[in-house]
Amino acid sequence: MFVEEAQDMPLATLEEICLLSNLETQQHNRLQVVLFGQLELDVGLSASHAR
């Protein structure tokens, strides 16, 4: 799944996407997520409350 403009998404939405990426079989992940965004995305994801 590709997510563009991810810096504009609320943190709660990014957390839900993270939960989707945890779906896996014994051998493979079911879903890979790639976030595209501006520098603000890095700032938001590096905040202590986003860990």
N, C-alpha and C. Protein backbone atom coordinates (compact mmCIF):
# COMPACT_ATOMS: atom_id res chain seq x y z
N MET A 1 0.86 -1.16 0.00
CA MET A 1 0.00 0.00 0.00
C MET A 1 0.90 1.22 0.00
N PHE A 2 0.63 2.15 -0.88
CA PHE A 2 1.35 3.40 -0.93
C PHE A 2 0.45 4.50 -0.37
N VAL A 3 0.99 5.31 0.52
CA VAL A 3 0.24 6.40 1.13
C VAL A 3 0.97 7.70 0.80
N GLU A 4 0.34 8.55 0.00
CA GLU A 4 0.91 9.84 -0.34
C GLU A 4 0.41 10.90 0.62
N GLU A 5 1.20 11.95 0.76
CA GLU A 5 0.87 13.07 1.64
C GLU A 5 0.59 12.60 3.07
N ALA A 6 1.38 11.65 3.51
CA ALA A 6 1.17 11.05 4.83
C ALA A 6 1.37 12.04 5.96
N GLN A 7 2.08 13.13 5.72
CA GLN A 7 2.29 14.11 6.78
C GLN A 7 0.98 14.80 7.17
N ASP A 8 -0.02 14.73 6.31
CA ASP A 8 -1.31 15.36 6.61
C ASP A 8 -2.28 14.43 7.34
N MET A 9 -1.89 13.19 7.53
CA MET A 9 -2.77 12.23 8.19
C MET A 9 -2.66 12.38 9.70
N PRO A 10 -3.77 12.23 10.40
CA PRO A 10 -3.71 12.23 11.86
C PRO A 10 -2.90 11.04 12.36
N LEU A 11 -2.27 11.19 13.49
CA LEU A 11 -1.46 10.13 14.05
C LEU A 11 -2.28 8.86 14.28
N ALA A 12 -3.53 9.01 14.66
CA ALA A 12 -4.40 7.84 14.89
C ALA A 12 -4.57 7.04 13.60
N THR A 13 -4.67 7.70 12.47
CA THR A 13 -4.80 7.01 11.19
C THR A 13 -3.52 6.26 10.85
N LEU A 14 -2.38 6.89 11.08
CA LEU A 14 -1.10 6.22 10.83
C LEU A 14 -0.94 5.00 11.73
N GLU A 15 -1.44 5.08 12.96
CA GLU A 15 -1.39 3.93 13.86
C GLU A 15 -2.25 2.78 13.33
N GLU A 16 -3.42 3.10 12.76
CA GLU A 16 -4.28 2.07 12.18
C GLU A 16 -3.60 1.41 10.99
N ILE A 17 -2.92 2.19 10.17
CA ILE A 17 -2.18 1.64 9.04
C ILE A 17 -1.07 0.73 9.54
N CYS A 18 -0.43 1.11 10.61
CA CYS A 18 0.63 0.28 11.20
C CYS A 18 0.05 -1.07 11.65
N LEU A 19 -1.13 -1.05 12.23
CA LEU A 19 -1.76 -2.30 12.64
C LEU A 19 -2.06 -3.20 11.45
N LEU A 20 -2.47 -2.61 10.34
CA LEU A 20 -2.71 -3.40 9.13
C LEU A 20 -1.44 -4.06 8.63
N SER A 21 -0.32 -3.38 8.80
CA SER A 21 0.94 -3.95 8.30
C SER A 21 1.42 -5.12 9.15
N ASN A 22 0.80 -5.34 10.31
CA ASN A 22 1.17 -6.47 11.17
C ASN A 22 0.53 -7.78 10.73
N LEU A 23 -0.38 -7.73 9.76
CA LEU A 23 -1.00 -8.95 9.26
C LEU A 23 0.04 -9.75 8.49
N GLU A 24 0.25 -10.98 8.89
CA GLU A 24 1.27 -11.79 8.22
C GLU A 24 0.93 -13.27 8.32
N THR A 25 1.53 -14.04 7.43
CA THR A 25 1.46 -15.48 7.49
C THR A 25 2.74 -15.96 8.16
N GLN A 26 2.93 -17.26 8.22
CA GLN A 26 4.17 -17.77 8.82
C GLN A 26 5.39 -17.40 7.99
N GLN A 27 5.19 -17.17 6.69
CA GLN A 27 6.33 -16.94 5.82
C GLN A 27 6.43 -15.52 5.27
N HIS A 28 5.32 -14.81 5.18
CA HIS A 28 5.32 -13.51 4.51
C HIS A 28 4.42 -12.51 5.22
N ASN A 29 4.78 -11.24 5.08
CA ASN A 29 3.86 -10.19 5.48
C ASN A 29 2.75 -10.12 4.43
N ARG A 30 1.57 -9.84 4.85
CA ARG A 30 0.45 -9.73 3.92
C ARG A 30 0.42 -8.36 3.25
N LEU A 31 0.94 -7.36 3.94
CA LEU A 31 0.82 -6.00 3.44
C LEU A 31 2.10 -5.23 3.75
N GLN A 32 2.64 -4.59 2.75
CA GLN A 32 3.76 -3.67 2.96
C GLN A 32 3.22 -2.26 2.79
N VAL A 33 3.68 -1.36 3.64
CA VAL A 33 3.23 0.02 3.61
C VAL A 33 4.41 0.92 3.32
N VAL A 34 4.22 1.83 2.37
CA VAL A 34 5.22 2.84 2.05
C VAL A 34 4.56 4.20 2.23
N LEU A 35 5.13 5.00 3.13
CA LEU A 35 4.61 6.33 3.39
C LEU A 35 5.42 7.36 2.61
N PHE A 36 4.73 8.22 1.88
CA PHE A 36 5.36 9.34 1.18
C PHE A 36 4.87 10.61 1.83
N GLY A 37 5.78 11.53 2.10
CA GLY A 37 5.36 12.78 2.71
C GLY A 37 6.48 13.79 2.77
N GLN A 38 6.13 14.96 3.23
CA GLN A 38 7.08 16.04 3.41
C GLN A 38 7.90 15.79 4.67
N LEU A 39 8.83 16.67 4.96
CA LEU A 39 9.69 16.53 6.14
C LEU A 39 8.89 16.48 7.44
N GLU A 40 7.71 17.07 7.43
CA GLU A 40 6.88 17.06 8.64
C GLU A 40 6.52 15.64 9.05
N LEU A 41 6.49 14.73 8.11
CA LEU A 41 6.20 13.33 8.42
C LEU A 41 7.28 12.76 9.33
N ASP A 42 8.54 13.01 9.03
CA ASP A 42 9.64 12.55 9.88
C ASP A 42 9.54 13.12 11.28
N VAL A 43 9.20 14.40 11.35
CA VAL A 43 9.07 15.05 12.66
C VAL A 43 7.94 14.41 13.46
N GLY A 44 6.81 14.18 12.81
CA GLY A 44 5.66 13.58 13.49
C GLY A 44 5.93 12.16 13.94
N LEU A 45 6.61 11.38 13.10
CA LEU A 45 6.88 9.99 13.46
C LEU A 45 7.98 9.85 14.50
N SER A 46 8.84 10.84 14.61
CA SER A 46 9.92 10.75 15.59
C SER A 46 9.51 11.28 16.97
N ALA A 47 8.33 11.83 17.08
CA ALA A 47 7.85 12.33 18.38
C ALA A 47 7.66 11.15 19.34
N SER A 48 7.92 11.39 20.60
CA SER A 48 7.88 10.32 21.60
C SER A 48 6.48 9.69 21.70
N HIS A 49 5.42 10.46 21.51
CA HIS A 49 4.06 9.91 21.62
C HIS A 49 3.68 9.07 20.40
N ALA A 50 4.49 9.08 19.34
CA ALA A 50 4.20 8.30 18.14
C ALA A 50 4.91 6.95 18.18
N ARG A 51 5.68 6.70 19.19
CA ARG A 51 6.44 5.44 19.23
C ARG A 51 5.51 4.38 19.68
